[in-house]
PDB file of N, CA and C in Angstrom:
ATOM      1  N   MET A   1      16.501  48.348  17.474  1.00  0.00           N
ATOM      2  CA  MET A   1      16.635  49.426  16.515  1.00  0.00           C
ATOM      3  C   MET A   1      15.650  49.246  15.374  1.00  0.00           C
ATOM      4  N   LEU A   2      15.527  48.047  14.835  1.00  0.00           N
ATOM      5  CA  LEU A   2      14.615  47.773  13.730  1.00  0.00           C
ATOM      6  C   LEU A   2      13.606  46.725  14.133  1.00  0.00           C
ATOM      7  N   ASN A   3      12.436  46.795  13.556  1.00  0.00           N
ATOM      8  CA  ASN A   3      11.408  45.821  13.880  1.00  0.00           C
ATOM      9  C   ASN A   3      11.569  44.556  13.059  1.00  0.00           C
ATOM     10  N   GLU A   4      11.234  44.604  11.787  1.00  0.00           N
ATOM     11  CA  GLU A   4      11.182  43.390  10.983  1.00  0.00           C
ATOM     12  C   GLU A   4      12.485  43.075  10.266  1.00  0.00           C
ATOM     13  N   PHE A   5      13.363  44.022  10.179  1.00  0.00           N
ATOM     14  CA  PHE A   5      14.602  43.827   9.435  1.00  0.00           C
ATOM     15  C   PHE A   5      15.770  43.885  10.391  1.00  0.00           C
ATOM     16  N   LYS A   6      16.625  42.925  10.323  1.00  0.00           N
ATOM     17  CA  LYS A   6      17.834  42.938  11.142  1.00  0.00           C
ATOM     18  C   LYS A   6      18.980  43.408  10.253  1.00  0.00           C
ATOM     19  N   ILE A   7      19.469  44.591  10.551  1.00  0.00           N
ATOM     20  CA  ILE A   7      20.545  45.169   9.750  1.00  0.00           C
ATOM     21  C   ILE A   7      21.738  44.226   9.756  1.00  0.00           C
ATOM     22  N   GLN A   8      22.508  44.285   8.693  1.00  0.00           N
ATOM     23  CA  GLN A   8      23.682  43.435   8.585  1.00  0.00           C
ATOM     24  C   GLN A   8      24.477  43.489   9.880  1.00  0.00           C
ATOM     25  N   ASP A   9      24.819  42.336  10.378  1.00  0.00           N
ATOM     26  CA  ASP A   9      25.628  42.345  11.598  1.00  0.00           C
ATOM     27  C   ASP A   9      27.032  42.853  11.283  1.00  0.00           C
ATOM     28  N   ARG A  10      27.734  43.135  12.311  1.00  0.00           N
ATOM     29  CA  ARG A  10      29.068  43.729  12.181  1.00  0.00           C
ATOM     30  C   ARG A  10      29.985  42.892  11.290  1.00  0.00           C
ATOM     31  N   LEU A  11      29.970  41.591  11.437  1.00  0.00           N
ATOM     32  CA  LEU A  11      30.822  40.730  10.625  1.00  0.00           C
ATOM     33  C   LEU A  11      30.471  40.853   9.147  1.00  0.00           C
ATOM     34  N   SER A  12      29.186  40.877   8.837  1.00  0.00           N
ATOM     35  CA  SER A  12      28.772  41.006   7.441  1.00  0.00           C
ATOM     36  C   SER A  12      29.228  42.333   6.854  1.00  0.00           C
ATOM     37  N   VAL A  13      29.131  43.390   7.632  1.00  0.00           N
ATOM     38  CA  VAL A  13      29.562  44.700   7.156  1.00  0.00           C
ATOM     39  C   VAL A  13      31.074  44.705   6.929  1.00  0.00           C
ATOM     40  N   ILE A  14      31.820  44.152   7.850  1.00  0.00           N
ATOM     41  CA  ILE A  14      33.270  44.070   7.674  1.00  0.00           C
ATOM     42  C   ILE A  14      33.593  43.239   6.435  1.00  0.00           C
ATOM     43  N   HIS A  15      32.891  42.141   6.255  1.00  0.00           N
ATOM     44  CA  HIS A  15      33.080  41.285   5.078  1.00  0.00           C
ATOM     45  C   HIS A  15      32.856  42.082   3.799  1.00  0.00           C
ATOM     46  N   MET A  16      31.811  42.901   3.772  1.00  0.00           N
ATOM     47  CA  MET A  16      31.538  43.754   2.604  1.00  0.00           C
ATOM     48  C   MET A  16      32.679  44.734   2.356  1.00  0.00           C
ATOM     49  N   LEU A  17      33.151  45.336   3.425  1.00  0.00           N
ATOM     50  CA  LEU A  17      34.165  46.376   3.289  1.00  0.00           C
ATOM     51  C   LEU A  17      35.521  45.845   2.843  1.00  0.00           C
ATOM     52  N   VAL A  18      35.883  44.642   3.249  1.00  0.00           N
ATOM     53  CA  VAL A  18      37.206  44.110   2.878  1.00  0.00           C
ATOM     54  C   VAL A  18      37.132  43.186   1.668  1.00  0.00           C
ATOM     55  N   GLY A  19      35.930  42.933   1.187  1.00  0.00           N
ATOM     56  CA  GLY A  19      35.792  42.099  -0.007  1.00  0.00           C
ATOM     57  C   GLY A  19      35.869  40.616   0.290  1.00  0.00           C
ATOM     58  N   GLY A  20      35.474  40.236   1.476  1.00  0.00           N
ATOM     59  CA  GLY A  20      35.449  38.822   1.831  1.00  0.00           C
ATOM     60  C   GLY A  20      36.764  38.365   2.414  1.00  0.00           C
ATOM     61  N   GLY A  21      36.888  37.068   2.547  1.00  0.00           N
ATOM     62  CA  GLY A  21      38.139  36.473   2.984  1.00  0.00           C
ATOM     63  C   GLY A  21      38.420  36.529   4.470  1.00  0.00           C
ATOM     64  N   ILE A  22      37.442  36.872   5.270  1.00  0.00           N
ATOM     65  CA  ILE A  22      37.660  36.823   6.711  1.00  0.00           C
ATOM     66  C   ILE A  22      37.733  35.351   7.102  1.00  0.00           C
ATOM     67  N   THR A  23      38.805  34.973   7.747  1.00  0.00           N
ATOM     68  CA  THR A  23      39.005  33.559   8.028  1.00  0.00           C
ATOM     69  C   THR A  23      38.573  33.130   9.428  1.00  0.00           C
ATOM     70  N   PHE A  24      38.416  34.080  10.333  1.00  0.00           N
ATOM     71  CA  PHE A  24      38.030  33.711  11.680  1.00  0.00           C
ATOM     72  C   PHE A  24      37.345  34.891  12.338  1.00  0.00           C
ATOM     73  N   TYR A  25      36.307  34.603  13.093  1.00  0.00           N
ATOM     74  CA  TYR A  25      35.621  35.661  13.818  1.00  0.00           C
ATOM     75  C   TYR A  25      35.165  35.118  15.157  1.00  0.00           C
ATOM     76  N   SER A  26      35.558  35.798  16.199  1.00  0.00           N
ATOM     77  CA  SER A  26      35.112  35.456  17.541  1.00  0.00           C
ATOM     78  C   SER A  26      35.087  36.753  18.328  1.00  0.00           C
ATOM     79  N   ASP A  27      33.882  37.164  18.715  1.00  0.00           N
ATOM     80  CA  ASP A  27      33.704  38.459  19.371  1.00  0.00           C
ATOM     81  C   ASP A  27      34.348  39.546  18.503  1.00  0.00           C
ATOM     82  N   ASP A  28      35.378  40.190  18.988  1.00  0.00           N
ATOM     83  CA  ASP A  28      36.038  41.231  18.191  1.00  0.00           C
ATOM     84  C   ASP A  28      37.369  40.752  17.626  1.00  0.00           C
ATOM     85  N   ASN A  29      37.582  39.455  17.588  1.00  0.00           N
ATOM     86  CA  ASN A  29      38.824  38.890  17.077  1.00  0.00           C
ATOM     87  C   ASN A  29      38.610  38.429  15.642  1.00  0.00           C
ATOM     88  N   ILE A  30      39.072  39.226  14.688  1.00  0.00           N
ATOM     89  CA  ILE A  30      38.919  38.897  13.278  1.00  0.00           C
ATOM     90  C   ILE A  30      40.300  38.734  12.672  1.00  0.00           C
ATOM     91  N   ILE A  31      40.487  37.658  11.944  1.00  0.00           N
ATOM     92  CA  ILE A  31      41.737  37.420  11.238  1.00  0.00           C
ATOM     93  C   ILE A  31      41.485  37.662   9.758  1.00  0.00           C
ATOM     94  N   TYR A  32      42.262  38.578   9.179  1.00  0.00           N
ATOM     95  CA  TYR A  32      42.120  38.934   7.771  1.00  0.00           C
ATOM     96  C   TYR A  32      43.140  38.179   6.940  1.00  0.00           C
ATOM     97  N   ASN A  33      42.823  37.971   5.690  1.00  0.00           N
ATOM     98  CA  ASN A  33      43.778  37.356   4.766  1.00  0.00           C
ATOM     99  C   ASN A  33      44.872  38.351   4.423  1.00  0.00           C
ATOM    100  N   ASP A  34      45.965  37.825   3.868  1.00  0.00           N
ATOM    101  CA  ASP A  34      47.090  38.686   3.491  1.00  0.00           C
ATOM    102  C   ASP A  34      46.625  39.814   2.582  1.00  0.00           C
ATOM    103  N   GLY A  35      47.103  40.987   2.863  1.00  0.00           N
ATOM    104  CA  GLY A  35      46.822  42.136   2.020  1.00  0.00           C
ATOM    105  C   GLY A  35      45.531  42.868   2.345  1.00  0.00           C
ATOM    106  N   GLN A  36      44.700  42.302   3.200  1.00  0.00           N
ATOM    107  CA  GLN A  36      43.467  43.005   3.551  1.00  0.00           C
ATOM    108  C   GLN A  36      43.749  44.024   4.642  1.00  0.00           C
ATOM    109  N   THR A  37      43.135  45.167   4.494  1.00  0.00           N
ATOM    110  CA  THR A  37      43.268  46.205   5.501  1.00  0.00           C
ATOM    111  C   THR A  37      41.994  46.235   6.328  1.00  0.00           C
ATOM    112  N   PRO A  38      42.105  46.033   7.616  1.00  0.00           N
ATOM    113  CA  PRO A  38      40.907  46.097   8.459  1.00  0.00           C
ATOM    114  C   PRO A  38      40.250  47.466   8.342  1.00  0.00           C
ATOM    115  N   PRO A  39      38.928  47.507   8.234  1.00  0.00           N
ATOM    116  CA  PRO A  39      38.252  48.802   8.141  1.00  0.00           C
ATOM    117  C   PRO A  39      38.298  49.522   9.490  1.00  0.00           C
ATOM    118  N   THR A  40      38.221  50.831   9.420  1.00  0.00           N
ATOM    119  CA  THR A  40      38.177  51.619  10.652  1.00  0.00           C
ATOM    120  C   THR A  40      36.775  51.515  11.253  1.00  0.00           C
ATOM    121  N   GLU A  41      36.668  51.877  12.512  1.00  0.00           N
ATOM    122  CA  GLU A  41      35.361  51.871  13.171  1.00  0.00           C
ATOM    123  C   GLU A  41      34.408  52.822  12.451  1.00  0.00           C
ATOM    124  N   LYS A  42      34.922  53.954  11.975  1.00  0.00           N
ATOM    125  CA  LYS A  42      34.090  54.911  11.242  1.00  0.00           C
ATOM    126  C   LYS A  42      33.582  54.294   9.943  1.00  0.00           C
ATOM    127  N   GLU A  43      34.432  53.581   9.220  1.00  0.00           N
ATOM    128  CA  GLU A  43      33.986  52.927   7.983  1.00  0.00           C
ATOM    129  C   GLU A  43      32.877  51.916   8.263  1.00  0.00           C
ATOM    130  N   ILE A  44      33.027  51.193   9.355  1.00  0.00           N
ATOM    131  CA  ILE A  44      32.009  50.191   9.723  1.00  0.00           C
ATOM    132  C   ILE A  44      30.696  50.882  10.077  1.00  0.00           C
ATOM    133  N   THR A  45      30.741  51.892  10.937  1.00  0.00           N
ATOM    134  CA  THR A  45      29.505  52.566  11.337  1.00  0.00           C
ATOM    135  C   THR A  45      28.882  53.329  10.167  1.00  0.00           C
ATOM    136  N   ASP A  46      29.705  53.900   9.284  1.00  0.00           N
ATOM    137  CA  ASP A  46      29.175  54.585   8.096  1.00  0.00           C
ATOM    138  C   ASP A  46      28.452  53.605   7.177  1.00  0.00           C
ATOM    139  N   LYS A  47      29.037  52.423   6.978  1.00  0.00           N
ATOM    140  CA  LYS A  47      28.411  51.416   6.115  1.00  0.00           C
ATOM    141  C   LYS A  47      27.099  50.939   6.732  1.00  0.00           C
ATOM    142  N   MET A  48      27.087  50.728   8.036  1.00  0.00           N
ATOM    143  CA  MET A  48      25.853  50.305   8.695  1.00  0.00           C
ATOM    144  C   MET A  48      24.784  51.384   8.567  1.00  0.00           C
ATOM    145  N   ALA A  49      25.179  52.648   8.681  1.00  0.00           N
ATOM    146  CA  ALA A  49      24.229  53.757   8.523  1.00  0.00           C
ATOM    147  C   ALA A  49      23.705  53.810   7.089  1.00  0.00           C
ATOM    148  N   GLU A  50      24.573  53.553   6.130  1.00  0.00           N
ATOM    149  CA  GLU A  50      24.169  53.525   4.711  1.00  0.00           C
ATOM    150  C   GLU A  50      23.138  52.415   4.467  1.00  0.00           C
ATOM    151  N   LEU A  51      23.399  51.234   4.985  1.00  0.00           N
ATOM    152  CA  LEU A  51      22.470  50.112   4.823  1.00  0.00           C
ATOM    153  C   LEU A  51      21.140  50.411   5.510  1.00  0.00           C
ATOM    154  N   GLN A  52      21.205  51.046   6.672  1.00  0.00           N
ATOM    155  CA  GLN A  52      19.984  51.410   7.388  1.00  0.00           C
ATOM    156  C   GLN A  52      19.175  52.418   6.584  1.00  0.00           C
ATOM    157  N   ALA A  53      19.854  53.408   6.012  1.00  0.00           N
ATOM    158  CA  ALA A  53      19.167  54.436   5.215  1.00  0.00           C
ATOM    159  C   ALA A  53      18.498  53.813   3.991  1.00  0.00           C
ATOM    160  N   GLU A  54      19.188  52.879   3.331  1.00  0.00           N
ATOM    161  CA  GLU A  54      18.602  52.189   2.182  1.00  0.00           C
ATOM    162  C   GLU A  54      17.355  51.420   2.601  1.00  0.00           C
ATOM    163  N   TYR A  55      17.433  50.752   3.721  1.00  0.00           N
ATOM    164  CA  TYR A  55      16.285  49.997   4.233  1.00  0.00           C
ATOM    165  C   TYR A  55      15.126  50.944   4.557  1.00  0.00           C
ATOM    166  N   ASP A  56      15.424  52.017   5.264  1.00  0.00           N
ATOM    167  CA  ASP A  56      14.387  52.974   5.657  1.00  0.00           C
ATOM    168  C   ASP A  56      13.717  53.600   4.440  1.00  0.00           C
ATOM    169  N   ALA A  57      14.492  53.870   3.392  1.00  0.00           N
ATOM    170  CA  ALA A  57      13.950  54.502   2.187  1.00  0.00           C
ATOM    171  C   ALA A  57      12.944  53.603   1.468  1.00  0.00           C
ATOM    172  N   GLN A  58      12.968  52.327   1.729  1.00  0.00           N
ATOM    173  CA  GLN A  58      12.058  51.390   1.069  1.00  0.00           C
ATOM    174  C   GLN A  58      10.859  51.010   1.928  1.00  0.00           C
ATOM    175  N   GLU A  59      10.623  51.746   3.008  1.00  0.00           N
ATOM    176  CA  GLU A  59       9.492  51.428   3.884  1.00  0.00           C
ATOM    177  C   GLU A  59       8.171  51.473   3.127  1.00  0.00           C
ATOM    178  N   TYR A  60       8.015  52.472   2.252  1.00  0.00           N
ATOM    179  CA  TYR A  60       6.770  52.576   1.494  1.00  0.00           C
ATOM    180  C   TYR A  60       6.520  51.313   0.671  1.00  0.00           C
ATOM    181  N   ALA A  61       7.556  50.764   0.080  1.00  0.00           N
ATOM    182  CA  ALA A  61       7.411  49.563  -0.761  1.00  0.00           C
ATOM    183  C   ALA A  61       7.010  48.353   0.083  1.00  0.00           C
ATOM    184  N   ARG A  62       7.603  48.224   1.274  1.00  0.00           N
ATOM    185  CA  ARG A  62       7.223  47.112   2.153  1.00  0.00           C
ATOM    186  C   ARG A  62       5.775  47.252   2.605  1.00  0.00           C
ATOM    187  N   ASN A  63       5.373  48.473   2.923  1.00  0.00           N
ATOM    188  CA  ASN A  63       3.989  48.706   3.330  1.00  0.00           C
ATOM    189  C   ASN A  63       3.016  48.413   2.194  1.00  0.00           C
ATOM    190  N   ARG A  64       3.348  48.866   1.000  1.00  0.00           N
ATOM    191  CA  ARG A  64       2.489  48.599  -0.155  1.00  0.00           C
ATOM    192  C   ARG A  64       2.348  47.104  -0.393  1.00  0.00           C
ATOM    193  N   ALA A  65       3.462  46.415  -0.385  1.00  0.00           N
ATOM    194  CA  ALA A  65       3.450  44.977  -0.682  1.00  0.00           C
ATOM    195  C   ALA A  65       2.539  44.220   0.272  1.00  0.00           C
ATOM    196  N   SER A  66       2.497  44.653   1.512  1.00  0.00           N
ATOM    197  CA  SER A  66       1.670  43.939   2.484  1.00  0.00           C
ATOM    198  C   SER A  66       0.180  44.257   2.327  1.00  0.00           C
ATOM    199  N   GLU A  67      -0.144  45.342   1.632  1.00  0.00           N
ATOM    200  CA  GLU A  67      -1.548  45.732   1.506  1.00  0.00           C
ATOM    201  C   GLU A  67      -2.142  45.547   0.112  1.00  0.00           C
ATOM    202  N   TYR A  68      -1.302  45.342  -0.884  1.00  0.00           N
ATOM    203  CA  TYR A  68      -1.860  45.090  -2.215  1.00  0.00           C
ATOM    204  C   TYR A  68      -2.699  43.814  -2.172  1.00  0.00           C
ATOM    205  N   PRO A  69      -3.749  43.771  -2.983  1.00  0.00           N
ATOM    206  CA  PRO A  69      -4.501  42.516  -3.088  1.00  0.00           C
ATOM    207  C   PRO A  69      -3.602  41.411  -3.652  1.00  0.00           C
ATOM    208  N   ALA A  70      -3.963  40.183  -3.384  1.00  0.00           N
ATOM    209  CA  ALA A  70      -3.206  39.052  -3.927  1.00  0.00           C
ATOM    210  C   ALA A  70      -3.192  39.153  -5.449  1.00  0.00           C
ATOM    211  N   LEU A  71      -2.152  38.624  -6.059  1.00  0.00           N
ATOM    212  CA  LEU A  71      -1.999  38.700  -7.509  1.00  0.00           C
ATOM    213  C   LEU A  71      -3.210  38.116  -8.229  1.00  0.00           C
ATOM    214  N   ALA A  72      -3.736  37.002  -7.747  1.00  0.00           N
ATOM    215  CA  ALA A  72      -4.907  36.393  -8.385  1.00  0.00           C
ATOM    216  C   ALA A  72      -6.099  37.351  -8.354  1.00  0.00           C
ATOM    217  N   GLU A  73      -6.261  38.068  -7.247  1.00  0.00           N
ATOM    218  CA  GLU A  73      -7.357  39.046  -7.151  1.00  0.00           C
ATOM    219  C   GLU A  73      -7.129  40.208  -8.115  1.00  0.00           C
ATOM    220  N   GLN A  74      -5.886  40.637  -8.259  1.00  0.00           N
ATOM    221  CA  GLN A  74      -5.583  41.720  -9.188  1.00  0.00           C
ATOM    222  C   GLN A  74      -5.871  41.307 -10.632  1.00  0.00           C
ATOM    223  N   LEU A  75      -5.463  40.103 -10.979  1.00  0.00           N
ATOM    224  CA  LEU A  75      -5.724  39.610 -12.338  1.00  0.00           C
ATOM    225  C   LEU A  75      -7.222  39.454 -12.583  1.00  0.00           C
ATOM    226  N   ASP A  76      -7.933  39.007 -11.577  1.00  0.00           N
ATOM    227  CA  ASP A  76      -9.379  38.872 -11.691  1.00  0.00           C
ATOM    228  C   ASP A  76     -10.030  40.242 -11.898  1.00  0.00           C
ATOM    229  N   GLU A  77      -9.539  41.235 -11.184  1.00  0.00           N
ATOM    230  CA  GLU A  77     -10.044  42.604 -11.343  1.00  0.00           C
ATOM    231  C   GLU A  77      -9.828  43.091 -12.776  1.00  0.00           C
ATOM    232  N   ILE A  78      -8.656  42.856 -13.314  1.00  0.00           N
ATOM    233  CA  ILE A  78      -8.359  43.263 -14.690  1.00  0.00           C
ATOM    234  C   ILE A  78      -9.278  42.534 -15.666  1.00  0.00           C
ATOM    235  N   TYR A  79      -9.408  41.235 -15.499  1.00  0.00           N
ATOM    236  CA  TYR A  79     -10.205  40.425 -16.415  1.00  0.00           C
ATOM    237  C   TYR A  79     -11.672  40.875 -16.419  1.00  0.00           C
ATOM    238  N   HIS A  80     -12.233  41.087 -15.239  1.00  0.00           N
ATOM    239  CA  HIS A  80     -13.660  41.394 -15.146  1.00  0.00           C
ATOM    240  C   HIS A  80     -13.984  42.874 -15.336  1.00  0.00           C
ATOM    241  N   ASN A  81     -13.058  43.748 -14.935  1.00  0.00           N
ATOM    242  CA  ASN A  81     -13.393  45.177 -14.915  1.00  0.00           C
ATOM    243  C   ASN A  81     -12.436  46.069 -15.698  1.00  0.00           C
ATOM    244  N   GLY A  82     -11.363  45.506 -16.218  1.00  0.00           N
ATOM    245  CA  GLY A  82     -10.438  46.282 -17.039  1.00  0.00           C
ATOM    246  C   GLY A  82      -9.318  46.949 -16.258  1.00  0.00           C
ATOM    247  N   MET A  83      -8.370  47.469 -17.023  1.00  0.00           N
ATOM    248  CA  MET A  83      -7.166  48.077 -16.438  1.00  0.00           C
ATOM    249  C   MET A  83      -7.478  49.320 -15.610  1.00  0.00           C
ATOM    250  N   ASP A  84      -8.405  50.141 -16.069  1.00  0.00           N
ATOM    251  CA  ASP A  84      -8.702  51.361 -15.319  1.00  0.00           C
ATOM    252  C   ASP A  84      -9.240  51.043 -13.932  1.00  0.00           C
ATOM    253  N   SER A  85     -10.072  50.030 -13.839  1.00  0.00           N
ATOM    254  CA  SER A  85     -10.595  49.622 -12.534  1.00  0.00           C
ATOM    255  C   SER A  85      -9.468  49.090 -11.660  1.00  0.00           C
ATOM    256  N   TRP A  86      -8.598  48.269 -12.239  1.00  0.00           N
ATOM    257  CA  TRP A  86      -7.458  47.733 -11.490  1.00  0.00           C
ATOM    258  C   TRP A  86      -6.568  48.867 -10.984  1.00  0.00           C
ATOM    259  N   LYS A  87      -6.286  49.844 -11.852  1.00  0.00           N
ATOM    260  CA  LYS A  87      -5.453  50.977 -11.444  1.00  0.00           C
ATOM    261  C   LYS A  87      -6.084  51.724 -10.271  1.00  0.00           C
ATOM    262  N   ALA A  88      -7.404  51.846 -10.273  1.00  0.00           N
ATOM    263  CA  ALA A  88      -8.092  52.527  -9.176  1.00  0.00           C
ATOM    264  C   ALA A  88      -7.936  51.752  -7.866  1.00  0.00           C
ATOM    265  N   VAL A  89      -8.014  50.428  -7.957  1.00  0.00           N
ATOM    266  CA  VAL A  89      -7.838  49.590  -6.763  1.00  0.00           C
ATOM    267  C   VAL A  89      -6.419  49.744  -6.212  1.00  0.00           C
ATOM    268  N   ILE A  90      -5.435  49.696  -7.086  1.00  0.00           N
ATOM    269  CA  ILE A  90      -4.031  49.796  -6.683  1.00  0.00           C
ATOM    270  C   ILE A  90      -3.702  51.196  -6.167  1.00  0.00           C
ATOM    271  N   LYS A  91      -4.320  52.204  -6.764  1.00  0.00           N
ATOM    272  CA  LYS A  91      -4.053  53.594  -6.392  1.00  0.00           C
ATOM    273  C   LYS A  91      -4.366  53.869  -4.919  1.00  0.00           C
ATOM    274  N   VAL A  92      -5.347  53.201  -4.382  1.00  0.00           N
ATOM    275  CA  VAL A  92      -5.682  53.387  -2.967  1.00  0.00           C
ATOM    276  C   VAL A  92      -4.456  53.113  -2.093  1.00  0.00           C
ATOM    277  N   THR A  93      -3.787  52.002  -2.355  1.00  0.00           N
ATOM    278  CA  THR A  93      -2.596  51.643  -1.574  1.00  0.00           C
ATOM    279  C   THR A  93      -1.431  52.576  -1.891  1.00  0.00           C
ATOM    280  N   LYS A  94      -1.253  52.891  -3.180  1.00  0.00           N
ATOM    281  CA  LYS A  94      -0.163  53.793  -3.557  1.00  0.00           C
ATOM    282  C   LYS A  94      -0.334  55.161  -2.892  1.00  0.00           C
ATOM    283  N   ASP A  95      -1.560  55.649  -2.838  1.00  0.00           N
ATOM    284  CA  ASP A  95      -1.809  56.935  -2.199  1.00  0.00           C
ATOM    285  C   ASP A  95      -1.590  56.868  -0.684  1.00  0.00           C
ATOM    286  N   LYS A  96      -1.911  55.741  -0.096  1.00  0.00           N
ATOM    287  CA  LYS A  96      -1.735  55.562   1.350  1.00  0.00           C
ATOM    288  C   LYS A  96      -0.267  55.543   1.725  1.00  0.00           C
ATOM    289  N   TYR A  97       0.568  54.963   0.846  1.00  0.00           N
ATOM    290  CA  TYR A  97       2.017  54.857   1.095  1.00  0.00           C
ATOM    291  C   TYR A  97       2.780  55.429  -0.089  1.00  0.00           C
ATOM    292  N   PRO A  98       2.863  56.763  -0.197  1.00  0.00           N
ATOM    293  CA  PRO A  98       3.562  57.373  -1.331  1.00  0.00           C
ATOM    294  C   PRO A  98       5.068  57.127  -1.267  1.00  0.00           C
ATOM    295  N   LYS A  99       5.686  57.167  -2.438  1.00  0.00           N
ATOM    296  CA  LYS A  99       7.141  57.058  -2.484  1.00  0.00           C
ATOM    297  C   LYS A  99       7.731  58.241  -1.739  1.00  0.00           C
ATOM    298  N   GLY A 100       8.789  57.948  -0.994  1.00  0.00           N
ATOM    299  CA  GLY A 100       9.446  58.955  -0.173  1.00  0.00           C
ATOM    300  C   GLY A 100       9.870  60.119  -0.959  1.00  0.00           C
TER     301      GLY A 100
END
């Protein structure tokens, strides 16, 4: 489903939904602490979809981060050529990967 990011596994999502305290997990056998209500399958799939949407919405940021020059190169650009030159260098990547 995803390339570089592994969405929260089912146990992690259930842990988020019940606020922790899962004491045992084996396949689909989960033991909850007193007072915890197991989430419904819909709650689990909805939460996973929410996490996926959040991840997908940040694709532009991941792409930018991988293409920006190294920080030392950026600082060198500022030092030698000024902020306007640095902004022009950065703008190339920002334009290539606009915010969603």
